[in-house]
């Protein structure tokens, strides 16, 4: 294109992205043609995922292509996307796609072999972590130096792994420089999932004869670098995966605000009831009807403080929901009975602030800080990354959708 340096204007970048898409698909076609493997291109923006109809259309297109034996090449539509509707990184996009198609495995390729329990550059005793059983509990060194293949650092891959595993997708982080390792890892995973090779407390001691020295912690299985498979980190899928509409509400929609509820309302939601105004303690943000919000449990004060705050303690995020009323309306009806809605607002579209079918719980309740080191502000929670999966915490019941 005879352009000396990267343009600064968005329109120029988008025009170059349009040119680049043709070049990229040409390379993919070159690669797959000798294999007689048909391919297709799907370009997505976040607005495609946020709109329920377009989300389902994309999901149906994926399913039809896969049924026809066609491999879809998925990328963000950089020719149209602006910052407000961008995924932000390909790791998130890949995790969303994996959840949409109910994939068996997701590979996040990077410039390192795997996660370690400490920085191997400074600690010669750092142990590679092969299997992560509880992603929220693992303590790993996740440097923010970025990847040689793009702008996404290891932290975005951790967030993507949380998202994908919550949808039941086994997720693997491994080095991209040798893509042939993918098949070896897949075979290793399949072998490890066979009944004869399942890891139990009773047979864990025998693994050193096959895979090298093993160290089990509460959250991960550490295998020595001499293992007969390429180094990698495998994140086990949730035993209770989030599917379809629940997955869309949790990971396809950007929350525009927060509704704070009391423990009684949370208990009612666990019991499959909708969210009534009486259970709402406070509201934050500027959102419209039918937009997504966070649901956080707080302790209600008997009497509001001098600052007008009517709750205390640290809020615990328990889920996401689509609202029947806008933020100013919820602020007026909070704490009241449903029978008061019409007199307070002049109308009553619904007795519920949120219908139960549009409320989805996090797989685990998020906590303010995870133990992962070298992440931005030490946080890798669903509130910190717009499409990230939740971190675990105790103290609140772990509700599940059917």
Protein backbone atom coordinates (compact mmCIF):
# COMPACT_ATOMS: atom_id res chain seq x y z
CA UNK A 1 0.00 0.00 0.00
CA UNK A 2 3.10 2.24 0.04
CA UNK A 3 2.26 3.61 3.49
CA UNK A 4 5.36 4.51 5.48
CA UNK A 5 3.88 4.31 8.98
CA UNK A 6 0.75 3.24 10.78
CA UNK A 7 -2.11 5.70 10.16
CA UNK A 8 -3.67 7.53 13.10
CA UNK A 9 -7.19 8.09 11.78
CA UNK A 10 -9.77 5.39 12.48
CA UNK A 11 -11.17 5.51 8.95
CA UNK A 12 -7.71 4.83 7.49
CA UNK A 13 -7.12 1.94 9.89
CA UNK A 14 -10.49 0.44 8.98
CA UNK A 15 -9.76 0.79 5.27
CA UNK A 16 -6.46 -1.03 5.72
CA UNK A 17 -8.23 -3.69 7.76
CA UNK A 18 -10.53 -4.30 4.78
CA UNK A 19 -7.47 -4.82 2.57
CA UNK A 20 -5.85 -7.03 5.17
CA UNK A 21 -8.88 -9.30 5.44
CA UNK A 22 -8.50 -10.25 1.78
CA UNK A 23 -4.81 -10.97 2.26
CA UNK A 24 -5.48 -13.01 5.39
CA UNK A 25 -8.18 -15.15 3.80
CA UNK A 26 -5.90 -15.69 0.83
CA UNK A 27 -3.30 -17.19 3.16
CA UNK A 28 -5.88 -19.41 4.84
CA UNK A 29 -7.13 -20.56 1.44
CA UNK A 30 -3.56 -21.33 0.37
CA UNK A 31 -3.10 -23.45 3.45
CA UNK A 32 -6.35 -25.44 3.25
CA UNK A 33 -6.65 -25.93 -0.53
CA UNK A 34 -4.08 -28.77 -0.69
CA UNK A 35 -6.09 -30.49 2.04
CA UNK A 36 -9.31 -30.06 0.03
CA UNK A 37 -10.81 -28.50 3.14
CA UNK A 38 -13.46 -25.81 2.51
CA UNK A 39 -13.28 -22.72 4.70
CA UNK A 40 -15.52 -19.72 5.38
CA UNK A 41 -15.03 -16.29 6.87
CA UNK A 42 -17.11 -14.89 9.74
CA UNK A 43 -16.48 -11.33 10.92
CA UNK A 44 -18.03 -10.26 14.21
CA UNK A 45 -18.32 -7.13 16.30
CA UNK A 46 -19.46 -6.87 19.86
CA UNK A 47 -22.78 -5.43 18.73
CA UNK A 48 -23.40 -8.68 16.82
CA UNK A 49 -23.07 -10.55 20.10
CA UNK A 50 -25.01 -8.01 22.20
CA UNK A 51 -28.10 -8.21 19.97
CA UNK A 52 -29.96 -11.42 20.78
CA UNK A 53 -31.31 -11.97 17.25
CA UNK A 54 -27.93 -11.41 15.60
CA UNK A 55 -26.25 -13.59 18.23
CA UNK A 56 -28.61 -16.47 17.41
CA UNK A 57 -28.13 -15.89 13.68
CA UNK A 58 -24.36 -16.10 14.12
CA UNK A 59 -24.73 -19.24 16.23
CA UNK A 60 -26.94 -20.85 13.57
CA UNK A 61 -24.43 -19.94 10.84
CA UNK A 62 -21.61 -21.54 12.82
CA UNK A 63 -23.64 -24.70 13.35
CA UNK A 64 -24.59 -24.98 9.67
CA UNK A 65 -20.99 -24.50 8.53
CA UNK A 66 -19.73 -27.14 10.95
CA UNK A 67 -22.50 -29.53 9.89
CA UNK A 68 -21.35 -29.07 6.27
CA UNK A 69 -17.75 -29.81 7.20
CA UNK A 70 -16.62 -26.23 6.62
CA UNK A 71 -14.05 -24.63 8.93
CA UNK A 72 -15.09 -21.07 9.86
CA UNK A 73 -12.25 -18.55 10.12
CA UNK A 74 -13.42 -16.06 12.75
CA UNK A 75 -12.09 -12.56 13.23
CA UNK A 76 -13.22 -9.23 14.57
CA UNK A 77 -14.71 -6.98 11.92
CA UNK A 78 -12.10 -4.24 12.21
CA UNK A 79 -13.49 -2.52 9.12
CA UNK A 80 -16.62 -1.53 11.07
CA UNK A 81 -15.79 -1.87 14.76
CA UNK A 82 -15.02 1.18 16.87
CA UNK A 83 -13.78 1.21 20.44
CA UNK A 84 -17.29 1.13 21.90
CA UNK A 85 -18.15 -2.15 20.18
CA UNK A 86 -14.78 -3.89 20.04
CA UNK A 87 -14.01 -7.12 21.84
CA UNK A 88 -10.61 -5.71 22.70
CA UNK A 89 -8.60 -8.86 22.02
CA UNK A 90 -8.82 -12.09 20.04
CA UNK A 91 -8.66 -14.17 23.22
CA UNK A 92 -12.07 -12.91 24.31
CA UNK A 93 -13.47 -13.32 20.80
CA UNK A 94 -12.22 -16.91 20.63
CA UNK A 95 -13.73 -17.74 24.03
CA UNK A 96 -17.09 -16.25 23.04
CA UNK A 97 -17.01 -18.25 19.79
CA UNK A 98 -16.06 -21.46 21.61
CA UNK A 99 -19.01 -21.00 23.95
CA UNK A 100 -21.40 -20.26 21.07
CA UNK A 101 -20.57 -23.49 19.22
CA UNK A 102 -20.20 -25.62 22.38
CA UNK A 103 -16.62 -26.46 21.39
CA UNK A 104 -14.76 -29.33 23.01
CA UNK A 105 -11.45 -27.46 23.29
CA UNK A 106 -10.07 -23.95 22.89
CA UNK A 107 -6.36 -23.33 22.27
CA UNK A 108 -4.93 -19.95 23.25
CA UNK A 109 -1.57 -19.74 21.51
CA UNK A 110 1.12 -17.49 22.94
CA UNK A 111 4.89 -16.98 23.17
CA UNK A 112 5.36 -19.04 26.34
CA UNK A 113 4.96 -22.75 26.96
CA UNK A 114 2.53 -22.60 29.86
CA UNK A 115 1.77 -21.04 33.22
CA UNK A 116 4.22 -21.47 36.09
CA UNK A 117 3.69 -21.25 39.83
CA UNK A 118 6.31 -18.46 39.86
CA UNK A 119 8.42 -16.56 37.36
CA UNK A 120 10.80 -19.09 35.75
CA UNK A 121 13.13 -16.28 34.65
CA UNK A 122 13.89 -15.39 38.27
CA UNK A 123 13.08 -18.65 40.05
CA UNK A 124 14.91 -21.75 38.78
CA UNK A 125 12.58 -23.90 40.89
CA UNK A 126 9.43 -22.61 39.19
CA UNK A 127 7.09 -25.49 38.37
CA UNK A 128 5.05 -25.68 35.15
CA UNK A 129 1.32 -25.98 35.79
CA UNK A 130 -0.27 -28.45 33.41
CA UNK A 131 -3.79 -28.87 34.76
CA UNK A 132 -5.80 -26.13 36.45
CA UNK A 133 -8.75 -27.50 38.38
CA UNK A 134 -9.89 -24.21 39.95
CA UNK A 135 -8.94 -21.21 37.89
CA UNK A 136 -9.86 -18.75 40.65
CA UNK A 137 -7.57 -20.34 43.21
CA UNK A 138 -4.44 -20.85 41.15
CA UNK A 139 -1.40 -18.75 41.96
CA UNK A 140 0.56 -18.17 38.76
CA UNK A 141 2.97 -15.73 37.24
CA UNK A 142 1.17 -13.96 34.43
CA UNK A 143 3.45 -11.30 33.05
CA UNK A 144 1.99 -8.23 31.37
CA UNK A 145 4.81 -8.09 28.82
CA UNK A 146 2.44 -9.11 26.05
CA UNK A 147 2.62 -11.75 23.37
CA UNK A 148 4.92 -11.84 20.36
CA UNK A 149 1.87 -12.66 18.23
CA UNK A 150 -0.33 -9.72 19.20
CA UNK A 151 -1.34 -7.24 21.85
CA UNK A 152 -2.93 -9.72 24.23
CA UNK A 153 -0.89 -10.52 27.33
CA UNK A 154 -1.23 -13.57 29.52
CA UNK A 155 -3.87 -11.88 31.68
CA UNK A 156 -6.32 -11.74 28.76
CA UNK A 157 -5.77 -15.44 28.18
CA UNK A 158 -6.59 -16.18 31.83
CA UNK A 159 -9.82 -14.19 31.48
CA UNK A 160 -10.66 -15.99 28.22
CA UNK A 161 -9.98 -19.34 29.88
CA UNK A 162 -12.41 -18.44 32.66
CA UNK A 163 -15.05 -17.51 30.13
CA UNK A 164 -14.61 -20.62 28.00
CA UNK A 165 -14.41 -23.10 30.89
CA UNK A 166 -17.60 -21.63 32.35
CA UNK A 167 -19.25 -22.74 29.09
CA UNK A 168 -17.86 -26.26 29.44
CA UNK A 169 -14.92 -25.80 27.04
CA UNK A 170 -11.54 -27.31 27.94
CA UNK A 171 -9.01 -24.51 27.40
CA UNK A 172 -5.28 -24.85 26.70
CA UNK A 173 -2.48 -22.27 26.78
CA UNK A 174 0.64 -23.30 24.87
CA UNK A 175 3.44 -21.96 22.67
CA UNK A 176 2.42 -20.90 19.17
CA UNK A 177 5.78 -21.41 17.47
CA UNK A 178 5.10 -25.13 16.98
CA UNK A 179 1.42 -25.54 15.99
CA UNK A 180 1.96 -29.26 15.45
CA UNK A 181 1.95 -29.59 19.22
CA UNK A 182 -1.82 -29.03 19.21
CA UNK A 183 -2.49 -32.56 17.97
CA UNK A 184 -0.10 -34.05 20.52
CA UNK A 185 -1.83 -32.15 23.31
CA UNK A 186 -5.28 -33.21 22.08
CA UNK A 187 -4.19 -36.85 22.10
CA UNK A 188 -2.72 -36.40 25.59
CA UNK A 189 -5.97 -34.84 26.84
CA UNK A 190 -8.07 -37.61 25.31
CA UNK A 191 -5.83 -40.22 26.92
CA UNK A 192 -5.98 -38.48 30.29
CA UNK A 193 -9.78 -38.44 30.13
CA UNK A 194 -10.06 -42.17 29.48
CA UNK A 195 -11.20 -44.24 32.49
CA UNK A 196 -7.85 -46.01 32.67
CA UNK A 197 -5.92 -42.78 33.15
CA UNK A 198 -8.17 -40.60 35.28
CA UNK A 199 -6.22 -38.91 38.07
CA UNK A 200 -7.42 -39.80 41.55
CA UNK A 201 -5.93 -39.39 44.98
CA UNK A 202 -5.24 -43.14 45.00
CA UNK A 203 -3.36 -43.38 41.70
CA UNK A 204 -1.66 -39.96 41.63
CA UNK A 205 1.55 -41.52 42.96
CA UNK A 206 1.75 -43.78 39.91
CA UNK A 207 1.79 -40.89 37.44
CA UNK A 208 5.51 -40.28 37.84
CA UNK A 209 6.18 -43.45 35.83
CA UNK A 210 4.28 -42.02 32.86
CA UNK A 211 4.33 -38.24 32.99
CA UNK A 212 7.14 -37.24 35.31
CA UNK A 213 7.06 -36.00 38.91
CA UNK A 214 3.68 -34.69 39.95
CA UNK A 215 2.79 -32.20 42.66
CA UNK A 216 -0.88 -31.77 43.56
CA UNK A 217 -2.16 -28.60 45.17
CA UNK A 218 -5.71 -27.51 45.93
CA UNK A 219 -6.06 -25.96 42.51
CA UNK A 220 -3.58 -27.45 40.05
CA UNK A 221 -1.62 -30.51 39.02
CA UNK A 222 2.03 -29.67 38.33
CA UNK A 223 3.93 -31.88 35.89
CA UNK A 224 7.66 -31.77 35.38
CA UNK A 225 8.98 -30.28 32.13
CA UNK A 226 10.24 -33.78 31.16
CA UNK A 227 6.70 -34.95 30.53
CA UNK A 228 6.32 -36.75 27.15
CA UNK A 229 3.90 -34.12 25.84
CA UNK A 230 4.54 -30.48 24.90
CA UNK A 231 4.44 -28.13 27.85
CA UNK A 232 1.02 -26.54 28.19
CA UNK A 233 -1.54 -25.45 30.75
CA UNK A 234 -4.97 -27.06 30.55
CA UNK A 235 -7.96 -25.46 32.26
CA UNK A 236 -10.64 -28.01 33.09
CA UNK A 237 -14.21 -27.15 32.05
CA UNK A 238 -16.91 -26.42 34.57
CA UNK A 239 -18.90 -29.52 35.58
CA UNK A 240 -22.01 -27.31 35.39
CA UNK A 241 -21.52 -25.32 32.17
CA UNK A 242 -23.44 -22.16 31.40
CA UNK A 243 -25.27 -22.52 28.10
CA UNK A 244 -27.25 -20.60 25.52
CA UNK A 245 -29.24 -17.63 26.92
CA UNK A 246 -27.41 -17.68 30.25
CA UNK A 247 -24.06 -17.63 28.44
CA UNK A 248 -25.26 -14.76 26.26
CA UNK A 249 -26.41 -12.67 29.25
CA UNK A 250 -23.20 -13.30 31.17
CA UNK A 251 -20.65 -12.93 28.41
CA UNK A 252 -22.33 -11.41 25.38
CA UNK A 253 -23.68 -8.27 27.03
CA UNK A 254 -21.78 -5.36 28.50
CA UNK A 255 -23.27 -4.37 31.89
CA UNK A 256 -24.37 -0.74 31.96
CA UNK A 257 -24.82 -0.47 35.70
CA UNK A 258 -25.29 -2.29 39.00
CA UNK A 259 -28.31 -3.21 41.09
CA UNK A 260 -27.57 -3.87 44.75
CA UNK A 261 -29.89 -6.37 46.41
CA UNK A 262 -30.25 -7.68 49.96
CA UNK A 263 -29.74 -11.24 51.17
CA UNK A 264 -33.49 -11.92 51.15
CA UNK A 265 -33.77 -11.01 47.49
CA UNK A 266 -30.76 -13.18 46.68
CA UNK A 267 -32.36 -16.12 48.46
CA UNK A 268 -35.56 -15.59 46.46
CA UNK A 269 -33.58 -15.53 43.20
CA UNK A 270 -31.89 -18.79 44.14
CA UNK A 271 -35.40 -20.17 44.65
CA UNK A 272 -36.22 -19.23 41.03
CA UNK A 273 -38.23 -16.09 41.84
CA UNK A 274 -37.86 -12.80 39.98
CA UNK A 275 -36.35 -9.65 41.44
CA UNK A 276 -39.00 -7.50 43.13
CA UNK A 277 -38.51 -3.79 43.98
CA UNK A 278 -38.66 -4.59 47.69
CA UNK A 279 -35.38 -6.49 47.45
CA UNK A 280 -33.49 -3.67 45.73
CA UNK A 281 -31.23 -1.70 48.08
CA UNK A 282 -29.56 0.69 45.65
CA UNK A 283 -28.89 1.28 41.96
CA UNK A 284 -25.81 2.60 40.19
CA UNK A 285 -25.21 3.64 36.60
CA UNK A 286 -27.27 5.08 33.79
CA UNK A 287 -28.98 2.23 31.98
CA UNK A 288 -32.15 1.89 29.97
CA UNK A 289 -34.93 -0.67 29.94
CA UNK A 290 -33.83 -4.12 28.69
CA UNK A 291 -30.12 -3.39 29.20
CA UNK A 292 -27.80 -5.63 31.18
CA UNK A 293 -26.73 -4.90 34.75
CA UNK A 294 -24.65 -6.54 37.46
CA UNK A 295 -26.43 -7.98 40.49
CA UNK A 296 -24.53 -7.49 43.75
CA UNK A 297 -25.52 -8.63 47.24
CA UNK A 298 -24.98 -6.10 50.04
CA UNK A 299 -25.93 -5.76 53.69
CA UNK A 300 -28.81 -3.33 54.08
CA UNK A 301 -28.46 -0.65 56.76
CA UNK A 302 -31.28 -0.15 59.23
CA UNK A 303 -30.99 3.59 58.69
CA UNK A 304 -29.22 5.42 55.83
CA UNK A 305 -25.99 7.17 56.76
CA UNK A 306 -25.35 10.89 56.53
CA UNK A 307 -24.13 10.36 52.98
CA UNK A 308 -27.45 8.76 52.09
CA UNK A 309 -25.86 5.35 51.58
CA UNK A 310 -28.28 2.61 52.60
CA UNK A 311 -25.92 -0.39 52.60
CA UNK A 312 -22.58 -1.36 54.08
CA UNK A 313 -19.79 -3.86 53.58
CA UNK A 314 -18.17 -5.06 50.37
CA UNK A 315 -20.66 -5.88 47.58
CA UNK A 316 -20.47 -9.41 46.19
CA UNK A 317 -21.38 -9.83 42.55
CA UNK A 318 -23.65 -12.83 42.05
CA UNK A 319 -24.96 -12.48 38.51
CA UNK A 320 -26.23 -10.47 35.58
CA UNK A 321 -29.74 -9.54 34.49
CA UNK A 322 -31.81 -7.67 31.93
CA UNK A 323 -33.93 -4.97 33.55
CA UNK A 324 -37.59 -4.12 33.00
CA UNK A 325 -37.08 -0.52 34.12
CA UNK A 326 -34.46 2.17 33.55
CA UNK A 327 -32.06 3.23 36.31
CA UNK A 328 -34.00 6.38 37.39
CA UNK A 329 -37.20 4.35 37.62
CA UNK A 330 -35.59 1.60 39.71
CA UNK A 331 -34.15 4.28 42.00
CA UNK A 332 -37.72 5.52 42.65
CA UNK A 333 -39.31 2.11 43.27
CA UNK A 334 -36.49 0.44 45.23
CA UNK A 335 -37.59 -0.90 48.59
CA UNK A 336 -41.28 -0.57 47.71
CA UNK A 337 -43.90 -3.22 47.07
CA UNK A 338 -44.80 -4.08 43.49
CA UNK A 339 -48.30 -2.75 44.11
CA UNK A 340 -46.77 0.72 44.57
CA UNK A 341 -45.05 0.84 41.17
CA UNK A 342 -47.95 2.43 39.28
CA UNK A 343 -48.47 5.17 41.86
CA UNK A 344 -44.75 5.93 41.94
CA UNK A 345 -44.10 5.89 38.19
CA UNK A 346 -47.52 6.48 36.69
CA UNK A 347 -47.42 3.09 35.01
CA UNK A 348 -46.39 -0.50 35.77
CA UNK A 349 -44.90 -2.51 32.92
CA UNK A 350 -44.05 -5.40 35.24
CA UNK A 351 -44.18 -6.30 38.91
CA UNK A 352 -40.54 -7.38 38.62
CA UNK A 353 -37.42 -5.27 38.26
CA UNK A 354 -35.94 -8.30 36.48
CA UNK A 355 -37.79 -11.38 35.21
CA UNK A 356 -36.31 -14.65 36.49
CA UNK A 357 -35.69 -16.01 32.99
CA UNK A 358 -33.42 -13.03 32.29
CA UNK A 359 -31.35 -13.44 35.45
CA UNK A 360 -28.18 -15.51 35.24
CA UNK A 361 -25.85 -16.36 38.09
CA UNK A 362 -22.11 -16.39 37.87
CA UNK A 363 -20.55 -19.83 38.02
CA UNK A 364 -18.88 -18.77 41.23
CA UNK A 365 -19.46 -15.60 43.17
CA UNK A 366 -16.77 -13.02 42.39
CA UNK A 367 -14.40 -11.67 44.97
CA UNK A 368 -12.62 -8.31 44.96
CA UNK A 369 -9.06 -9.61 44.47
CA UNK A 370 -7.69 -12.86 43.07
CA UNK A 371 -4.32 -14.25 44.17
CA UNK A 372 -2.87 -14.01 40.67
CA UNK A 373 0.24 -11.87 40.55
CA UNK A 374 1.29 -9.13 38.15
CA UNK A 375 -2.21 -8.41 36.87
CA UNK A 376 -3.59 -4.90 36.61
CA UNK A 377 -4.29 -3.78 40.19
CA UNK A 378 -4.29 -7.45 41.16
CA UNK A 379 -7.82 -7.87 39.79
CA UNK A 380 -9.06 -10.39 37.26
CA UNK A 381 -12.77 -10.35 37.99
CA UNK A 382 -15.87 -10.16 35.87
CA UNK A 383 -16.24 -6.54 36.84
CA UNK A 384 -12.74 -5.64 35.70
CA UNK A 385 -12.92 -7.26 32.27
CA UNK A 386 -16.17 -6.63 30.47
CA UNK A 387 -16.47 -10.16 29.16
CA UNK A 388 -14.35 -12.00 31.68
CA UNK A 389 -15.58 -14.91 33.73
CA UNK A 390 -16.02 -14.68 37.48
CA UNK A 391 -13.58 -15.36 40.26
CA UNK A 392 -14.53 -17.57 43.17
CA UNK A 393 -15.32 -16.50 46.70
CA UNK A 394 -16.94 -17.93 49.76
CA UNK A 395 -19.67 -16.63 51.99
CA UNK A 396 -22.57 -16.57 49.51
CA UNK A 397 -24.49 -19.54 48.22
CA UNK A 398 -23.39 -20.68 44.76
CA UNK A 399 -26.67 -20.69 42.79
CA UNK A 400 -26.98 -22.51 39.48
CA UNK A 401 -29.37 -22.19 36.59
CA UNK A 402 -31.13 -25.26 35.25
